[in-house]
Amino acid sequence: MASMLMPNQGAVMLWLAFRSMAVNLSIALVQSFRRLTAHKQHPGADAETIEARFENEMLTVTEPKKPAVQKPQKKIKINAA
């Protein structure tokens, strides 16, 4: 009956293989996340205007919107008949 409680060598090797694949996968996911969320410089970003709040276990970072650049008005010439 004691032999039923002890895993056999094949099961141990299978477990170790799965565990190493899971560790490799988690490392790859962390590296991908770091690449995706790497600091990217935004032109015109001003550190003094950015606000950050931590409330209700949520971090909120706010950057004010820049004024929209007005598009040049299109002039349409109309010929009167």
C-alpha atoms as a PDB file:
ATOM      1  CA  MET A   1       0.000   0.000   0.000  1.00  0.00           C
ATOM      2  CA  ALA A   2       2.918   2.346   0.615  1.00  0.00           C
ATOM      3  CA  SER A   3       3.947   2.018  -3.031  1.00  0.00           C
ATOM      4  CA  MET A   4       0.652   3.641  -4.105  1.00  0.00           C
ATOM      5  CA  LEU A   5       1.528   6.812  -2.224  1.00  0.00           C
ATOM      6  CA  MET A   6       4.985   7.134  -3.794  1.00  0.00           C
ATOM      7  CA  PRO A   7       4.986   8.411  -7.385  1.00  0.00           C
ATOM      8  CA  ASN A   8       6.917   6.327  -9.865  1.00  0.00           C
ATOM      9  CA  GLN A   9       9.966   7.699 -11.650  1.00  0.00           C
ATOM     10  CA  GLY A  10       8.043   8.353 -14.892  1.00  0.00           C
ATOM     11  CA  ALA A  11       5.473  10.507 -13.125  1.00  0.00           C
ATOM     12  CA  VAL A  12       8.230  12.492 -11.381  1.00  0.00           C
ATOM     13  CA  MET A  13      10.042  13.078 -14.687  1.00  0.00           C
ATOM     14  CA  LEU A  14       6.782  14.131 -16.338  1.00  0.00           C
ATOM     15  CA  TRP A  15       6.050  16.545 -13.492  1.00  0.00           C
ATOM     16  CA  LEU A  16       9.533  18.055 -13.704  1.00  0.00           C
ATOM     17  CA  ALA A  17       9.165  18.514 -17.467  1.00  0.00           C
ATOM     18  CA  PHE A  18       5.795  20.259 -17.069  1.00  0.00           C
ATOM     19  CA  ARG A  19       7.127  22.432 -14.280  1.00  0.00           C
ATOM     20  CA  SER A  20      10.155  23.534 -16.322  1.00  0.00           C
ATOM     21  CA  MET A  21       7.897  24.353 -19.298  1.00  0.00           C
ATOM     22  CA  ALA A  22       5.611  26.369 -17.017  1.00  0.00           C
ATOM     23  CA  VAL A  23       8.576  28.289 -15.601  1.00  0.00           C
ATOM     24  CA  ASN A  24       9.904  28.998 -19.099  1.00  0.00           C
ATOM     25  CA  LEU A  25       6.471  30.137 -20.233  1.00  0.00           C
ATOM     26  CA  SER A  26       6.050  32.465 -17.267  1.00  0.00           C
ATOM     27  CA  ILE A  27       9.502  33.977 -17.864  1.00  0.00           C
ATOM     28  CA  ALA A  28       8.618  34.528 -21.528  1.00  0.00           C
ATOM     29  CA  LEU A  29       5.327  36.185 -20.551  1.00  0.00           C
ATOM     30  CA  VAL A  30       7.063  38.516 -18.115  1.00  0.00           C
ATOM     31  CA  GLN A  31       9.625  39.501 -20.748  1.00  0.00           C
ATOM     32  CA  SER A  32       6.888  40.141 -23.323  1.00  0.00           C
ATOM     33  CA  PHE A  33       4.951  42.266 -20.851  1.00  0.00           C
ATOM     34  CA  ARG A  34       8.062  44.290 -20.058  1.00  0.00           C
ATOM     35  CA  ARG A  35       8.699  44.902 -23.753  1.00  0.00           C
ATOM     36  CA  LEU A  36       5.099  45.974 -24.315  1.00  0.00           C
ATOM     37  CA  THR A  37       5.027  48.297 -21.338  1.00  0.00           C
ATOM     38  CA  ALA A  38       8.535  49.683 -21.743  1.00  0.00           C
ATOM     39  CA  HIS A  39       8.870  53.411 -21.224  1.00  0.00           C
ATOM     40  CA  LYS A  40       8.055  55.106 -24.478  1.00  0.00           C
ATOM     41  CA  GLN A  41       8.752  58.761 -24.896  1.00  0.00           C
ATOM     42  CA  HIS A  42       5.844  60.785 -26.076  1.00  0.00           C
ATOM     43  CA  PRO A  43       6.663  64.062 -27.775  1.00  0.00           C
ATOM     44  CA  GLY A  44       5.536  66.966 -25.690  1.00  0.00           C
ATOM     45  CA  ALA A  45       4.957  64.941 -22.514  1.00  0.00           C
ATOM     46  CA  ASP A  46       5.406  67.208 -19.520  1.00  0.00           C
ATOM     47  CA  ALA A  47       6.200  65.582 -16.187  1.00  0.00           C
ATOM     48  CA  GLU A  48       4.692  68.496 -14.236  1.00  0.00           C
ATOM     49  CA  THR A  49       1.228  68.085 -15.759  1.00  0.00           C
ATOM     50  CA  ILE A  50       0.919  64.318 -15.305  1.00  0.00           C
ATOM     51  CA  GLU A  51      -1.109  63.260 -12.266  1.00  0.00           C
ATOM     52  CA  ALA A  52      -1.220  59.897 -10.502  1.00  0.00           C
ATOM     53  CA  ARG A  53      -3.717  58.700  -7.879  1.00  0.00           C
ATOM     54  CA  PHE A  54      -4.005  55.472  -5.941  1.00  0.00           C
ATOM     55  CA  GLU A  55      -7.480  54.821  -4.636  1.00  0.00           C
ATOM     56  CA  ASN A  56      -9.568  51.693  -4.172  1.00  0.00           C
ATOM     57  CA  GLU A  57      -6.518  49.551  -4.940  1.00  0.00           C
ATOM     58  CA  MET A  58      -6.283  51.099  -8.429  1.00  0.00           C
ATOM     59  CA  LEU A  59      -3.519  53.307  -9.796  1.00  0.00           C
ATOM     60  CA  THR A  60      -4.763  55.966 -12.194  1.00  0.00           C
ATOM     61  CA  VAL A  61      -2.338  58.038 -14.239  1.00  0.00           C
ATOM     62  CA  THR A  62      -3.749  61.060 -16.045  1.00  0.00           C
ATOM     63  CA  GLU A  63      -2.113  63.196 -18.703  1.00  0.00           C
ATOM     64  CA  PRO A  64      -4.063  66.235 -19.885  1.00  0.00           C
ATOM     65  CA  LYS A  65      -5.079  66.236 -23.508  1.00  0.00           C
ATOM     66  CA  LYS A  66      -3.243  68.556 -25.814  1.00  0.00           C
ATOM     67  CA  PRO A  67      -5.317  71.121 -27.669  1.00  0.00           C
ATOM     68  CA  ALA A  68      -6.364  69.809 -31.040  1.00  0.00           C
ATOM     69  CA  VAL A  69      -4.639  71.300 -34.006  1.00  0.00           C
ATOM     70  CA  GLN A  70      -7.161  73.033 -36.186  1.00  0.00           C
ATOM     71  CA  LYS A  71      -7.329  71.810 -39.726  1.00  0.00           C
ATOM     72  CA  PRO A  72      -7.127  74.480 -42.388  1.00  0.00           C
ATOM     73  CA  GLN A  73     -10.507  75.438 -43.713  1.00  0.00           C
ATOM     74  CA  LYS A  74     -11.256  74.289 -47.218  1.00  0.00           C
ATOM     75  CA  LYS A  75     -12.349  76.992 -49.609  1.00  0.00           C
ATOM     76  CA  ILE A  76     -14.710  75.984 -52.335  1.00  0.00           C
ATOM     77  CA  LYS A  77     -15.165  78.274 -55.270  1.00  0.00           C
ATOM     78  CA  ILE A  78     -18.769  78.448 -56.437  1.00  0.00           C
ATOM     79  CA  ASN A  79     -19.545  79.889 -59.852  1.00  0.00           C
ATOM     80  CA  ALA A  80     -22.918  81.610 -60.068  1.00  0.00           C
ATOM     81  CA  ALA A  81     -24.810  80.960 -63.262  1.00  0.00           C
END
